[in-house]
């Protein structure tokens, strides 16, 4: 289906992501290197480690403390979180951390897959391009059950852990 920018934004809105910016892109189909997954696995850890500049957004996800720490230390991706490519590799996207963002698997990543697949036969596609490394809808931006204190506490825990001081 060929969309224009307005119809792409409307479609994202129906998928619950009315604040997701898009970029217009002309897919350049390419073949992936045989070792792409090995490179991706290493890059995934690098991306997760780079999330230390996104602690506030991650805190709003209300992850358990151990999952929060493991994520920003690059050790493990918690369940129901996905690392996505802004431009899919098969369409010419780069295998780099600048081409990645983090979001909930359900519903966001699954809905983004649906959104992209719907455009698979189009000459020009509109791809999700959140402003930050972590995508949370504005509906999530107010924090979870713990409010701002949760964000502050998780940020303190993460900084203390990265500094090697443990839970102070």
Protein backbone atom coordinates (compact mmCIF):
# COMPACT_ATOMS: atom_id res chain seq x y z
CA UNK A 1 0.00 0.00 0.00
CA UNK A 2 1.40 3.39 -0.97
CA UNK A 3 1.00 5.92 1.83
CA UNK A 4 1.73 9.61 2.01
CA UNK A 5 3.07 11.25 5.15
CA UNK A 6 -0.39 12.18 6.47
CA UNK A 7 -1.85 8.71 5.88
CA UNK A 8 1.25 7.11 7.46
CA UNK A 9 0.82 9.25 10.58
CA UNK A 10 -2.90 8.45 10.68
CA UNK A 11 -2.14 4.73 10.42
CA UNK A 12 0.36 4.95 13.28
CA UNK A 13 -2.27 6.79 15.31
CA UNK A 14 -4.72 3.91 14.81
CA UNK A 15 -1.95 1.60 16.05
CA UNK A 16 -1.63 3.63 19.27
CA UNK A 17 1.47 5.60 18.32
CA UNK A 18 0.10 9.01 17.43
CA UNK A 19 3.37 10.66 18.51
CA UNK A 20 5.72 8.52 16.37
CA UNK A 21 7.58 10.63 13.78
CA UNK A 22 8.30 9.07 10.40
CA UNK A 23 10.89 9.47 7.68
CA UNK A 24 10.22 9.04 4.00
CA UNK A 25 12.50 6.39 2.54
CA UNK A 26 12.95 4.67 -0.80
CA UNK A 27 13.89 1.04 -0.11
CA UNK A 28 17.11 -0.18 -1.68
CA UNK A 29 16.87 -3.95 -1.51
CA UNK A 30 20.20 -5.51 -0.67
CA UNK A 31 21.71 -8.82 0.30
CA UNK A 32 22.94 -9.21 3.86
CA UNK A 33 26.44 -10.45 4.62
CA UNK A 34 26.62 -14.02 5.87
CA UNK A 35 27.95 -12.86 9.26
CA UNK A 36 25.35 -10.10 9.79
CA UNK A 37 23.80 -11.78 12.83
CA UNK A 38 27.15 -12.15 14.60
CA UNK A 39 27.80 -8.44 14.03
CA UNK A 40 24.25 -7.60 15.13
CA UNK A 41 24.66 -9.53 18.40
CA UNK A 42 27.78 -7.54 19.29
CA UNK A 43 26.12 -4.30 18.20
CA UNK A 44 23.08 -5.05 20.36
CA UNK A 45 25.24 -5.12 23.48
CA UNK A 46 26.92 -1.89 22.41
CA UNK A 47 23.52 -0.27 21.88
CA UNK A 48 22.23 -1.41 25.28
CA UNK A 49 25.37 -0.04 26.96
CA UNK A 50 24.83 3.28 25.17
CA UNK A 51 21.45 3.65 26.89
CA UNK A 52 23.06 5.27 29.94
CA UNK A 53 22.07 8.60 28.37
CA UNK A 54 18.42 7.43 28.33
CA UNK A 55 17.99 6.45 31.98
CA UNK A 56 14.95 8.67 32.49
CA UNK A 57 13.05 7.08 29.59
CA UNK A 58 14.02 3.59 30.72
CA UNK A 59 12.95 4.40 34.29
CA UNK A 60 9.45 5.16 32.97
CA UNK A 61 9.27 1.56 31.79
CA UNK A 62 9.11 0.47 35.46
CA UNK A 63 11.43 -2.49 34.95
CA UNK A 64 12.49 -4.51 37.99
CA UNK A 65 15.82 -3.27 39.34
CA UNK A 66 17.87 -6.24 38.09
CA UNK A 67 16.42 -5.97 34.55
CA UNK A 68 17.04 -2.21 34.52
CA UNK A 69 20.68 -2.69 35.53
CA UNK A 70 21.25 -5.60 33.12
CA UNK A 71 19.80 -3.55 30.26
CA UNK A 72 21.95 -0.44 30.72
CA UNK A 73 25.03 -2.56 31.41
CA UNK A 74 24.50 -4.33 28.07
CA UNK A 75 24.06 -7.77 29.66
CA UNK A 76 20.48 -8.74 28.85
CA UNK A 77 17.41 -7.40 27.09
CA UNK A 78 14.33 -7.77 29.34
CA UNK A 79 11.28 -9.67 28.14
CA UNK A 80 8.82 -7.59 26.11
CA UNK A 81 11.49 -5.12 24.96
CA UNK A 82 12.76 -5.02 21.38
CA UNK A 83 15.65 -3.34 19.67
CA UNK A 84 14.50 -2.18 16.26
CA UNK A 85 16.22 -0.80 13.20
CA UNK A 86 15.04 2.60 12.02
CA UNK A 87 15.78 1.50 8.46
CA UNK A 88 15.61 -2.28 8.00
CA UNK A 89 18.89 -3.87 6.94
CA UNK A 90 17.26 -5.57 3.96
CA UNK A 91 16.21 -2.12 2.69
CA UNK A 92 19.70 -0.66 2.94
CA UNK A 93 19.80 0.29 6.63
CA UNK A 94 23.19 0.40 8.33
CA UNK A 95 24.30 -2.04 10.96
CA UNK A 96 25.03 0.70 13.52
CA UNK A 97 23.73 1.89 16.87
CA UNK A 98 22.52 5.11 15.20
CA UNK A 99 20.06 2.99 13.24
CA UNK A 100 18.53 1.41 16.37
CA UNK A 101 15.92 2.23 18.98
CA UNK A 102 14.33 0.43 21.91
CA UNK A 103 10.60 -0.04 22.42
CA UNK A 104 8.07 -2.40 23.97
CA UNK A 105 7.64 -5.59 21.92
CA UNK A 106 3.93 -5.61 22.65
CA UNK A 107 2.23 -3.60 21.41
CA UNK A 108 4.71 -1.22 19.73
CA UNK A 109 7.21 -3.46 17.95
CA UNK A 110 4.46 -5.79 16.74
CA UNK A 111 2.41 -2.85 15.45
CA UNK A 112 5.47 -1.34 13.76
CA UNK A 113 6.04 -4.65 11.97
CA UNK A 114 2.43 -4.53 10.77
CA UNK A 115 2.86 -0.89 9.66
CA UNK A 116 6.03 -1.65 7.67
CA UNK A 117 4.72 -4.89 6.12
CA UNK A 118 1.62 -3.04 4.91
CA UNK A 119 3.95 -0.85 2.85
CA UNK A 120 6.13 -3.67 1.46
CA UNK A 121 4.97 -3.15 -2.13
CA UNK A 122 5.31 0.66 -2.09
CA UNK A 123 8.01 2.55 -3.95
CA UNK A 124 8.35 5.04 -1.10
CA UNK A 125 7.80 3.95 2.49
CA UNK A 126 7.40 5.80 5.76
CA UNK A 127 9.49 4.38 8.55
CA UNK A 128 9.20 5.00 12.28
CA UNK A 129 11.91 7.36 13.46
CA UNK A 130 11.60 8.26 17.14
CA UNK A 131 13.61 11.26 18.32
CA UNK A 132 15.32 9.34 21.11
CA UNK A 133 16.95 5.93 21.55
CA UNK A 134 14.00 4.75 23.65
CA UNK A 135 10.49 5.06 22.28
CA UNK A 136 7.69 5.53 24.77
CA UNK A 137 4.37 6.97 23.72
CA UNK A 138 3.50 10.31 25.28
CA UNK A 139 0.78 8.38 27.10
CA UNK A 140 3.60 6.65 29.04
CA UNK A 141 5.64 9.79 29.72
CA UNK A 142 4.04 10.56 33.06
CA UNK A 143 5.73 7.68 34.82
CA UNK A 144 4.40 4.52 36.32
CA UNK A 145 2.88 3.63 39.65
CA UNK A 146 5.78 5.19 41.50
CA UNK A 147 5.61 8.53 39.66
CA UNK A 148 8.72 10.66 39.43
CA UNK A 149 10.21 9.08 42.54
CA UNK A 150 10.51 5.81 40.63
CA UNK A 151 12.50 7.55 37.92
CA UNK A 152 14.77 9.27 40.44
CA UNK A 153 15.36 6.10 42.46
CA UNK A 154 16.10 3.91 39.43
CA UNK A 155 18.45 6.53 38.04
CA UNK A 156 20.29 6.65 41.37
CA UNK A 157 20.53 2.86 41.49
CA UNK A 158 21.83 2.69 37.91
CA UNK A 159 24.44 5.40 38.44
CA UNK A 160 25.59 3.81 41.70
CA UNK A 161 25.87 0.39 40.06
CA UNK A 162 27.84 1.73 37.10
CA UNK A 163 30.15 3.53 39.47
CA UNK A 164 30.69 0.26 41.32
CA UNK A 165 29.12 1.45 44.54
CA UNK A 166 26.20 -0.98 44.66
CA UNK A 167 22.85 0.03 46.09
CA UNK A 168 23.42 3.03 48.31
